[in-house]
Amino acid sequence: MDAVDIARRFALGGATRLSDGPVARGKQGVVWRLETTDGSWAVKVLFDRSGEDEVRLATGFQEAACTAGVPAPQVRRTTQGRVLATVEGRHVRVYEWVDLSAPDSCLDPALVGAVVAAIHQVSVTDLGGLIDPWYHEPVGADRWDQLVEQLLAAGAPFAGRLADLREELVALESWIEQPQLLRNCHRDLWADNVLPTADGGVCVIDWDNSGPADPSQELGCVLFEFARDDPGRTRALTNAYEQAGGPARV
């Protein structure tokens, strides 16, 4: 990639060094580290091309969260105020660089609860329309059966295990409830995206999928990820969430 061009487009200062290759990889792209005279930057190269309209709401929510004090990387826009730039035929976007440690589902539950409460109190005016059915509609018994058949036919090594879990998965889906009170949420608060920092805090990354959701359901996901079957961690997380003003209850 052209480090000088990226630095110029996003007004990052003079480019001094670009990592030899991607330093991180996610579902939507790879991240390179760019050093400039003004600091360190995370340059995300997207796998698929996107438009400004597609990233506008999620980016605005991340920027609002940062303004509200949520620990998250600051978005860096281009000199024209755009989120995306086309570099060598690929869409890229830039964030401030944050040194992060490996995912850890045993993070301090009180710290996690307070951060999630802060996210759920970020005020934005545009919820972005209806929730994608992917977030709240069950897969359904027929589709699970089709998927198992397709995987068995393809020789997938996990096909047998999935087939054994079919009944349990269908039963679990009967518990799915429709979202009630909608507000903007992160919608991807797993340990991969709530990462420890060197100073003992956390940083919330990958806001690309944020959008309307029921904060109570998101809090339930957070409890599953960071508390599991530990009653003490569950109490610590929910108490911290409520004390920090979080609106959801489970």
Protein backbone atom coordinates (compact mmCIF):
# COMPACT_ATOMS: atom_id res chain seq x y z
CA MET A 1 0.00 0.00 0.00
CA ASP A 2 1.03 3.58 -0.56
CA ALA A 3 1.70 4.87 2.97
CA VAL A 4 2.37 8.40 1.74
CA ASP A 5 -0.96 8.54 -0.10
CA ILE A 6 -2.88 7.27 2.94
CA ALA A 7 -1.18 9.77 5.24
CA ARG A 8 -1.97 12.59 2.82
CA ARG A 9 -5.63 11.67 2.34
CA PHE A 10 -6.29 11.38 6.09
CA ALA A 11 -3.98 14.23 7.18
CA LEU A 12 -1.93 11.92 9.40
CA GLY A 13 1.38 13.74 9.11
CA GLY A 14 4.43 12.54 7.23
CA ALA A 15 4.51 8.78 6.73
CA THR A 16 7.56 7.15 8.30
CA ARG A 17 6.77 3.42 8.29
CA LEU A 18 4.04 1.01 7.25
CA SER A 19 4.00 -2.49 8.74
CA ASP A 20 5.36 -5.21 6.47
CA GLY A 21 1.92 -6.77 6.34
CA PRO A 22 -1.42 -6.90 8.16
CA VAL A 23 -1.09 -6.96 11.96
CA ALA A 24 -4.70 -8.03 12.58
CA ARG A 25 -7.52 -9.63 10.66
CA GLY A 26 -11.28 -9.48 11.16
CA LYS A 27 -14.40 -10.51 9.30
CA GLN A 28 -14.55 -7.31 7.29
CA GLY A 29 -10.91 -6.55 6.59
CA VAL A 30 -7.27 -6.55 7.62
CA VAL A 31 -5.46 -3.91 9.67
CA TRP A 32 -2.04 -2.45 8.94
CA ARG A 33 -0.08 -0.23 11.31
CA LEU A 34 1.09 3.11 9.95
CA GLU A 35 3.63 5.28 11.74
CA THR A 36 3.71 8.99 10.90
CA THR A 37 5.20 12.13 12.35
CA ASP A 38 1.87 12.69 14.14
CA GLY A 39 1.53 9.25 15.74
CA SER A 40 0.47 5.66 15.11
CA TRP A 41 -2.60 4.68 13.11
CA ALA A 42 -4.64 1.59 12.35
CA VAL A 43 -5.36 1.38 8.63
CA LYS A 44 -8.22 -1.00 7.92
CA VAL A 45 -8.36 -2.39 4.39
CA LEU A 46 -11.86 -3.68 3.69
CA PHE A 47 -12.46 -6.98 1.90
CA ASP A 48 -15.57 -5.61 0.18
CA ARG A 49 -16.18 -2.17 -1.22
CA SER A 50 -18.59 -0.04 0.80
CA GLY A 51 -20.25 3.32 0.32
CA GLU A 52 -20.34 6.26 2.70
CA ASP A 53 -24.04 5.66 3.32
CA GLU A 54 -23.31 2.11 4.46
CA VAL A 55 -20.81 3.20 7.11
CA ARG A 56 -22.34 6.53 8.10
CA LEU A 57 -24.55 5.42 10.99
CA ALA A 58 -22.10 3.00 12.60
CA THR A 59 -19.28 5.52 12.31
CA GLY A 60 -21.42 8.28 13.77
CA PHE A 61 -22.30 6.04 16.71
CA GLN A 62 -18.64 5.24 17.36
CA GLU A 63 -17.75 8.93 17.22
CA ALA A 64 -20.59 9.77 19.60
CA ALA A 65 -19.43 7.01 21.95
CA CYS A 66 -15.89 8.39 21.98
CA THR A 67 -17.22 11.86 22.70
CA ALA A 68 -19.25 10.43 25.59
CA GLY A 69 -16.13 8.86 27.10
CA VAL A 70 -16.51 5.26 25.96
CA PRO A 71 -13.00 3.80 25.55
CA ALA A 72 -12.81 3.19 21.81
CA PRO A 73 -10.41 4.12 19.00
CA GLN A 74 -11.05 7.55 17.52
CA VAL A 75 -12.13 7.54 13.88
CA ARG A 76 -9.92 9.54 11.56
CA ARG A 77 -11.73 11.03 8.56
CA THR A 78 -10.24 12.16 5.28
CA THR A 79 -9.43 15.79 4.55
CA GLN A 80 -12.85 15.93 2.81
CA GLY A 81 -14.63 14.62 5.92
CA ARG A 82 -15.27 11.19 4.46
CA VAL A 83 -14.87 7.88 6.30
CA LEU A 84 -13.53 5.88 3.37
CA ALA A 85 -10.83 6.48 0.81
CA THR A 86 -9.95 4.40 -2.23
CA VAL A 87 -6.28 3.45 -2.27
CA GLU A 88 -4.95 1.20 -5.01
CA GLY A 89 -8.49 0.10 -5.81
CA ARG A 90 -9.37 -0.87 -2.24
CA HIS A 91 -11.45 0.91 0.36
CA VAL A 92 -9.54 1.89 3.49
CA ARG A 93 -10.43 3.67 6.69
CA VAL A 94 -8.27 4.88 9.56
CA TYR A 95 -8.42 4.87 13.36
CA GLU A 96 -6.04 6.01 16.04
CA TRP A 97 -3.76 3.16 17.09
CA VAL A 98 -4.39 1.59 20.51
CA ASP A 99 -2.08 -1.05 21.99
CA LEU A 100 -4.30 -3.97 22.95
CA SER A 101 -3.80 -7.34 24.62
CA ALA A 102 -5.30 -10.70 23.67
CA PRO A 103 -9.02 -11.37 24.20
CA ASP A 104 -9.88 -12.36 27.76
CA SER A 105 -13.37 -13.37 28.84
CA CYS A 106 -12.18 -13.13 32.46
CA LEU A 107 -11.80 -9.35 32.37
CA ASP A 108 -12.86 -7.49 35.51
CA PRO A 109 -16.66 -7.88 35.29
CA ALA A 110 -17.27 -4.55 37.01
CA LEU A 111 -15.17 -2.81 34.38
CA VAL A 112 -17.04 -4.54 31.58
CA GLY A 113 -20.41 -3.67 33.11
CA ALA A 114 -19.53 0.00 33.42
CA VAL A 115 -18.32 0.19 29.82
CA VAL A 116 -21.44 -1.50 28.46
CA ALA A 117 -23.59 0.90 30.49
CA ALA A 118 -21.73 3.82 28.93
CA ILE A 119 -22.37 2.45 25.44
CA HIS A 120 -26.07 2.02 26.17
CA GLN A 121 -26.34 5.65 27.24
CA VAL A 122 -24.82 7.13 24.08
CA SER A 123 -27.45 9.37 22.53
CA VAL A 124 -27.92 9.39 18.76
CA THR A 125 -30.95 10.59 16.82
CA ASP A 126 -30.91 8.11 13.93
CA LEU A 127 -31.42 4.43 14.71
CA GLY A 128 -31.02 3.44 11.09
CA GLY A 129 -34.43 1.88 10.45
CA LEU A 130 -35.52 -1.70 11.08
CA ILE A 131 -33.40 -4.39 12.69
CA ASP A 132 -32.03 -6.92 10.26
CA PRO A 133 -33.91 -10.22 10.80
CA TRP A 134 -30.54 -11.94 11.29
CA TYR A 135 -30.44 -10.46 14.80
CA HIS A 136 -33.78 -11.74 16.07
CA GLU A 137 -35.34 -14.41 13.84
CA PRO A 138 -34.63 -18.10 14.51
CA VAL A 139 -32.90 -20.20 11.87
CA GLY A 140 -35.71 -22.74 12.06
CA ALA A 141 -35.77 -26.53 12.08
CA ASP A 142 -36.04 -26.86 8.29
CA ARG A 143 -33.02 -24.66 7.65
CA TRP A 144 -30.95 -26.49 10.27
CA ASP A 145 -31.83 -29.77 8.54
CA GLN A 146 -30.83 -28.35 5.16
CA LEU A 147 -27.57 -27.06 6.57
CA VAL A 148 -26.70 -30.41 8.15
CA GLU A 149 -27.43 -32.20 4.86
CA GLN A 150 -25.28 -29.77 2.90
CA LEU A 151 -22.38 -30.10 5.33
CA LEU A 152 -22.57 -33.90 5.39
CA ALA A 153 -22.60 -33.97 1.59
CA ALA A 154 -19.60 -31.66 1.49
CA GLY A 155 -17.68 -33.78 3.99
CA ALA A 156 -17.31 -30.99 6.53
CA PRO A 157 -15.40 -32.38 9.55
CA PHE A 158 -17.87 -30.82 12.01
CA ALA A 159 -21.03 -31.96 10.21
CA GLY A 160 -21.63 -34.91 12.53
CA ARG A 161 -21.22 -32.79 15.63
CA LEU A 162 -23.69 -30.22 14.30
CA ALA A 163 -26.15 -32.98 13.48
CA ASP A 164 -25.92 -34.20 17.08
CA LEU A 165 -26.72 -30.68 18.30
CA ARG A 166 -29.67 -30.15 15.95
CA GLU A 167 -32.42 -30.84 18.50
CA GLU A 168 -30.76 -28.69 21.14
CA LEU A 169 -30.30 -25.79 18.73
CA VAL A 170 -33.94 -25.88 17.67
CA ALA A 171 -35.04 -25.98 21.31
CA LEU A 172 -32.81 -23.04 22.20
CA GLU A 173 -34.35 -21.00 19.40
CA SER A 174 -37.74 -21.30 21.07
CA TRP A 175 -36.41 -18.94 23.74
CA ILE A 176 -35.77 -16.12 21.28
CA GLU A 177 -37.84 -13.04 22.07
CA GLN A 178 -38.50 -10.06 19.86
CA PRO A 179 -36.58 -6.90 20.81
CA GLN A 180 -38.68 -4.40 22.73
CA LEU A 181 -36.99 -1.10 23.58
CA LEU A 182 -34.69 -0.18 20.73
CA ARG A 183 -31.64 2.03 20.93
CA ASN A 184 -28.28 1.99 19.21
CA CYS A 185 -26.07 -0.82 20.50
CA HIS A 186 -22.67 -2.21 19.55
CA ARG A 187 -24.18 -5.62 18.62
CA ASP A 188 -20.83 -7.43 18.74
CA LEU A 189 -19.63 -7.20 22.35
CA TRP A 190 -17.74 -10.47 22.52
CA ALA A 191 -14.31 -10.82 24.10
CA ASP A 192 -12.67 -10.30 20.69
CA ASN A 193 -14.01 -6.75 20.65
CA VAL A 194 -13.72 -5.75 24.33
CA LEU A 195 -9.98 -5.96 24.76
CA PRO A 196 -7.67 -5.23 27.69
CA THR A 197 -5.26 -2.31 27.49
CA ALA A 198 -1.82 -1.89 29.02
CA ASP A 199 -3.10 0.54 31.67
CA GLY A 200 -5.59 -1.96 33.09
CA GLY A 201 -8.61 -0.66 31.21
CA VAL A 202 -10.48 -1.94 28.19
CA CYS A 203 -11.03 -0.70 24.67
CA VAL A 204 -14.10 -1.47 22.56
CA ILE A 205 -13.28 -2.06 18.90
CA ASP A 206 -15.06 -3.10 15.68
CA TRP A 207 -18.16 -0.90 15.71
CA ASP A 208 -18.97 -1.74 12.08
CA ASN A 209 -22.06 -3.82 12.98
CA SER A 210 -23.54 -1.37 15.49
CA GLY A 211 -27.16 -0.38 15.08
CA PRO A 212 -30.62 -0.71 16.63
CA ALA A 213 -31.09 -3.45 19.21
CA ASP A 214 -32.64 -4.11 22.60
CA PRO A 215 -29.99 -3.27 25.23
CA SER A 216 -31.42 -5.92 27.55
CA GLN A 217 -30.66 -8.59 24.98
CA GLU A 218 -27.18 -7.20 24.40
CA LEU A 219 -26.56 -7.21 28.16
CA GLY A 220 -27.59 -10.86 28.21
CA CYS A 221 -24.99 -11.64 25.56
CA VAL A 222 -22.35 -9.77 27.55
CA LEU A 223 -23.22 -11.75 30.69
CA PHE A 224 -22.90 -15.00 28.75
CA GLU A 225 -19.49 -14.00 27.41
CA PHE A 226 -17.94 -12.49 30.53
CA ALA A 227 -19.74 -14.21 33.42
CA ARG A 228 -20.89 -17.60 32.09
CA ASP A 229 -21.99 -19.73 35.06
CA ASP A 230 -20.23 -17.71 37.78
CA PRO A 231 -22.86 -16.04 40.02
CA GLY A 232 -20.25 -13.73 41.55
CA ARG A 233 -19.14 -12.40 38.17
CA THR A 234 -22.78 -12.04 37.11
CA ARG A 235 -23.59 -9.92 40.17
CA ALA A 236 -20.46 -7.80 39.79
CA LEU A 237 -21.16 -7.08 36.13
CA THR A 238 -24.85 -6.28 36.54
CA ASN A 239 -24.27 -4.19 39.68
CA ALA A 240 -21.61 -2.13 37.93
CA TYR A 241 -23.86 -1.76 34.89
CA GLU A 242 -26.78 -0.49 36.97
CA GLN A 243 -24.61 1.79 39.12
CA ALA A 244 -23.19 3.34 35.95
CA GLY A 245 -26.70 4.18 34.76
CA GLY A 246 -27.22 1.35 32.28
CA PRO A 247 -30.89 1.21 31.20
CA ALA A 248 -31.20 -2.55 30.58
CA ARG A 249 -32.33 -5.26 32.96
CA VAL A 250 -32.16 -9.03 32.64
